[in-house]
Amino acid sequence: MELVKLEKVRKTINGRVVLENVDLQVGPSRIVVVRGRSGAGKTTLLKLMVLLLKPDEGRVLINGVDAWRLGTAARSRLVSGTISYIPQTIDLLPNLTVKENIELPVIIKGLKRRDRELAVREVSELLGIPHMLERRVETLSGGEKQVVALARSLVTKPRLVVADEPFAYVDDKGVEKLFNTIRELRDRLGVSFVITTTEINIKSFTGDEEYLLTNGTLTKV
């Protein structure tokens, strides 16, 4: 069964059609890359996937469940049990340490301190950043911040990570390193990823499925 499936989704914002008749499905252990120019609707697409926006038409299914037929609390549980979302603007808290930022989602989930510390240690070791845990976020480079955001997204053990332009603040070498990390996470943990990027013709990274978003239309390539 697909983790997330969009069926004939249409979305307008301020009277403008942003997405039209969009179909997209994400299975287990897959990397899906959505390419498109700035303003093409990539962020809107991801927000529909994580239920931050409701489609005007069509359906969004998570684990086979038609999400918008549920109540607010049930939708929230459905998403939180399956998906982590990394927005385009890295929203780490600069006055906190790396450890404190990674820990936030499991604090919200109500994990006990010992379980939180174990979860943070596991994900930091997985991504090779134990040496960074006590650093303040404001001292990190763009690439380091992206890795921390990835660690925070993984600490709740989601089945799908949805990342909006995660390579935007990373140099070419950092892009290759980060994408290799994502591939390793797919292979080792079985986690799926949906990644958006403005890089249309540059193939410094390639997903298991590739899509192009133009003029509100999503095309598999």
Protein backbone atom coordinates (compact mmCIF):
# COMPACT_ATOMS: atom_id res chain seq x y z
CA MET A 1 0.00 0.00 0.00
CA GLU A 2 1.18 3.54 -0.77
CA LEU A 3 2.20 5.70 2.17
CA VAL A 4 0.67 8.74 0.47
CA LYS A 5 -1.47 8.97 -2.63
CA LEU A 6 -2.90 12.05 -4.32
CA GLU A 7 -5.79 11.46 -6.70
CA LYS A 8 -6.93 14.11 -9.19
CA VAL A 9 -6.00 16.91 -6.80
CA ARG A 10 -6.81 20.50 -7.67
CA LYS A 11 -5.81 23.54 -5.60
CA THR A 12 -6.38 27.24 -6.16
CA ILE A 13 -4.84 30.00 -4.06
CA ASN A 14 -6.13 33.59 -4.24
CA GLY A 15 -8.10 32.68 -7.36
CA ARG A 16 -5.07 31.21 -9.17
CA VAL A 17 -4.95 27.56 -10.12
CA VAL A 18 -1.72 26.26 -8.56
CA LEU A 19 -2.26 22.53 -9.11
CA GLU A 20 -4.58 20.82 -11.57
CA ASN A 21 -5.52 17.13 -11.81
CA VAL A 22 -2.44 15.99 -9.89
CA ASP A 23 -1.80 12.28 -9.30
CA LEU A 24 1.13 11.16 -7.16
CA GLN A 25 1.87 8.11 -5.09
CA VAL A 26 4.73 7.27 -2.75
CA GLY A 27 5.43 3.68 -1.81
CA PRO A 28 7.66 2.26 0.94
CA SER A 29 11.45 2.70 0.68
CA ARG A 30 11.31 5.10 -2.25
CA ILE A 31 12.90 8.44 -3.06
CA VAL A 32 10.61 10.68 -5.09
CA VAL A 33 12.07 13.87 -6.58
CA VAL A 34 9.76 16.66 -7.79
CA ARG A 35 11.51 19.23 -9.97
CA GLY A 36 10.11 22.62 -10.92
CA ARG A 37 10.89 26.31 -11.21
CA SER A 38 10.34 28.67 -8.30
CA GLY A 39 6.61 29.38 -8.04
CA ALA A 40 5.66 26.17 -9.84
CA GLY A 41 3.61 24.95 -6.85
CA LYS A 42 6.07 22.54 -5.22
CA THR A 43 5.49 23.85 -1.70
CA THR A 44 1.73 23.71 -2.20
CA LEU A 45 2.05 20.11 -3.35
CA LEU A 46 3.97 19.13 -0.23
CA LYS A 47 1.58 20.97 2.08
CA LEU A 48 -1.27 19.01 0.52
CA MET A 49 0.62 15.78 1.18
CA VAL A 50 1.10 16.58 4.87
CA LEU A 51 -2.46 17.96 5.24
CA LEU A 52 -1.46 21.56 5.91
CA LEU A 53 -3.69 22.46 2.95
CA LYS A 54 -6.98 20.92 1.86
CA PRO A 55 -7.50 20.24 -1.85
CA ASP A 56 -10.36 21.95 -3.63
CA GLU A 57 -10.98 18.73 -5.52
CA GLY A 58 -9.56 15.22 -5.37
CA ARG A 59 -8.38 13.04 -2.52
CA VAL A 60 -5.33 12.69 -0.29
CA LEU A 61 -4.88 9.18 1.08
CA ILE A 62 -2.40 8.32 3.83
CA ASN A 63 -1.91 4.61 4.45
CA GLY A 64 -4.99 4.06 2.30
CA VAL A 65 -7.18 6.35 4.43
CA ASP A 66 -9.00 9.29 2.82
CA ALA A 67 -7.56 11.88 5.20
CA TRP A 68 -10.08 14.68 4.73
CA ARG A 69 -12.97 12.42 5.64
CA LEU A 70 -11.55 12.31 9.17
CA GLY A 71 -11.92 14.79 11.99
CA THR A 72 -9.12 17.16 12.94
CA ALA A 73 -7.67 15.01 15.74
CA ALA A 74 -7.76 11.84 13.66
CA ARG A 75 -6.04 13.60 10.73
CA SER A 76 -3.32 14.85 13.05
CA ARG A 77 -2.70 11.35 14.40
CA LEU A 78 -2.65 9.93 10.88
CA VAL A 79 0.04 12.37 9.75
CA SER A 80 2.16 12.30 12.90
CA GLY A 81 2.27 8.52 12.82
CA THR A 82 3.51 8.43 9.23
CA ILE A 83 5.10 11.65 7.96
CA SER A 84 7.73 14.20 8.99
CA TYR A 85 7.85 17.52 7.13
CA ILE A 86 10.95 19.67 6.59
CA PRO A 87 9.86 23.12 5.30
CA GLN A 88 11.91 25.11 2.82
CA THR A 89 12.86 27.69 5.45
CA ILE A 90 14.90 25.80 8.03
CA ASP A 91 12.92 26.38 11.22
CA LEU A 92 15.47 25.29 13.80
CA LEU A 93 15.53 27.41 16.96
CA PRO A 94 18.84 29.31 16.85
CA ASN A 95 19.13 29.89 20.60
CA LEU A 96 18.93 26.14 21.36
CA THR A 97 21.57 23.47 20.95
CA VAL A 98 21.46 20.85 18.21
CA LYS A 99 20.42 18.25 20.79
CA GLU A 100 17.58 20.44 22.07
CA ASN A 101 16.30 21.03 18.52
CA ILE A 102 16.37 17.34 17.61
CA GLU A 103 14.62 16.48 20.85
CA LEU A 104 11.63 18.81 20.36
CA PRO A 105 9.34 16.39 18.43
CA VAL A 106 9.69 13.64 21.03
CA ILE A 107 9.11 16.13 23.84
CA ILE A 108 5.86 17.07 22.12
CA LYS A 109 4.98 13.38 21.83
CA GLY A 110 5.43 13.05 25.58
CA LEU A 111 8.36 10.61 25.67
CA LYS A 112 10.11 10.20 29.00
CA ARG A 113 13.52 11.80 29.38
CA ARG A 114 15.44 8.51 29.12
CA ASP A 115 13.55 7.54 25.94
CA ARG A 116 14.11 11.00 24.46
CA GLU A 117 17.84 10.81 25.08
CA LEU A 118 17.99 7.36 23.51
CA ALA A 119 16.08 8.55 20.43
CA VAL A 120 18.38 11.57 20.00
CA ARG A 121 21.50 9.44 20.44
CA GLU A 122 20.31 6.87 17.90
CA VAL A 123 19.48 9.41 15.19
CA SER A 124 22.62 11.50 15.80
CA GLU A 125 24.82 8.41 15.49
CA LEU A 126 22.94 7.37 12.37
CA LEU A 127 23.75 10.71 10.72
CA GLY A 128 27.25 11.01 12.18
CA ILE A 129 26.64 14.15 14.22
CA PRO A 130 27.17 13.22 17.92
CA HIS A 131 30.03 15.75 18.02
CA MET A 132 27.57 18.53 17.10
CA LEU A 133 24.93 17.93 19.77
CA GLU A 134 26.07 20.65 22.18
CA ARG A 135 26.64 23.30 19.51
CA ARG A 136 24.19 26.18 19.14
CA VAL A 137 22.28 26.17 15.86
CA GLU A 138 23.35 29.73 15.13
CA THR A 139 26.96 28.50 14.74
CA LEU A 140 26.13 25.94 12.03
CA SER A 141 26.60 26.20 8.29
CA GLY A 142 23.68 25.80 5.90
CA GLY A 143 24.60 22.20 5.17
CA GLU A 144 24.96 21.38 8.87
CA LYS A 145 21.54 22.89 9.56
CA GLN A 146 19.99 20.68 6.88
CA VAL A 147 21.48 17.57 8.48
CA VAL A 148 20.13 18.64 11.87
CA ALA A 149 16.70 19.27 10.33
CA LEU A 150 16.88 15.78 8.84
CA ALA A 151 17.82 14.33 12.23
CA ARG A 152 14.89 16.10 13.87
CA SER A 153 12.53 14.76 11.21
CA LEU A 154 13.76 11.20 11.83
CA VAL A 155 13.67 11.19 15.63
CA THR A 156 10.00 10.16 15.71
CA LYS A 157 10.73 7.23 13.34
CA PRO A 158 8.43 8.29 10.46
CA ARG A 159 7.82 6.13 7.42
CA LEU A 160 8.02 9.14 5.07
CA VAL A 161 10.05 12.36 5.16
CA VAL A 162 8.79 15.23 3.00
CA ALA A 163 11.50 17.84 2.39
CA ASP A 164 10.96 21.15 0.58
CA GLU A 165 14.13 22.08 -1.33
CA PRO A 166 16.57 20.58 1.21
CA PHE A 167 19.55 21.37 -1.03
CA ALA A 168 18.81 25.09 -1.39
CA TYR A 169 21.46 26.21 1.11
CA VAL A 170 24.03 23.50 0.39
CA ASP A 171 27.01 23.67 -1.99
CA ASP A 172 27.56 21.06 -4.72
CA LYS A 173 29.73 18.85 -2.53
CA GLY A 174 27.20 19.09 0.28
CA VAL A 175 24.36 18.13 -2.06
CA GLU A 176 26.11 14.91 -3.02
CA LYS A 177 26.89 14.08 0.62
CA LEU A 178 23.35 14.82 1.82
CA PHE A 179 21.72 12.84 -0.98
CA ASN A 180 24.01 9.88 -0.28
CA THR A 181 22.85 10.06 3.33
CA ILE A 182 19.22 10.02 2.18
CA ARG A 183 19.88 6.95 0.03
CA GLU A 184 21.51 5.19 2.98
CA LEU A 185 18.51 5.99 5.18
CA ARG A 186 16.17 4.57 2.55
CA ASP A 187 18.22 1.39 2.34
CA ARG A 188 18.91 0.91 6.06
CA LEU A 189 15.63 2.08 7.59
CA GLY A 190 13.18 1.66 4.73
CA VAL A 191 12.21 5.34 5.03
CA SER A 192 10.71 7.01 1.96
CA PHE A 193 11.49 10.59 0.91
CA VAL A 194 9.75 13.18 -1.22
CA ILE A 195 12.18 15.94 -2.20
CA THR A 196 11.50 19.09 -4.19
CA THR A 197 14.15 21.03 -6.09
CA THR A 198 14.46 23.88 -8.58
CA GLU A 199 17.25 21.95 -10.36
CA ILE A 200 15.48 20.83 -13.52
CA ASN A 201 18.27 19.72 -15.82
CA ILE A 202 21.10 19.16 -13.32
CA LYS A 203 21.18 15.48 -12.35
CA SER A 204 23.50 15.66 -9.33
CA PHE A 205 20.91 13.47 -7.63
CA THR A 206 18.21 11.20 -9.06
CA GLY A 207 15.23 9.65 -7.32
CA ASP A 208 13.59 6.29 -7.74
CA GLU A 209 10.74 8.26 -9.29
CA GLU A 210 11.15 11.65 -10.95
CA TYR A 211 8.43 14.22 -11.61
CA LEU A 212 8.34 17.62 -13.30
CA LEU A 213 5.87 20.26 -12.10
CA THR A 214 5.05 22.92 -14.70
CA ASN A 215 2.02 25.21 -14.99
CA GLY A 216 0.23 23.29 -12.23
CA THR A 217 0.63 19.94 -13.99
CA LEU A 218 2.69 17.10 -12.53
CA THR A 219 4.31 14.81 -15.07
CA LYS A 220 6.30 11.65 -14.38
CA VAL A 221 9.59 11.64 -16.29
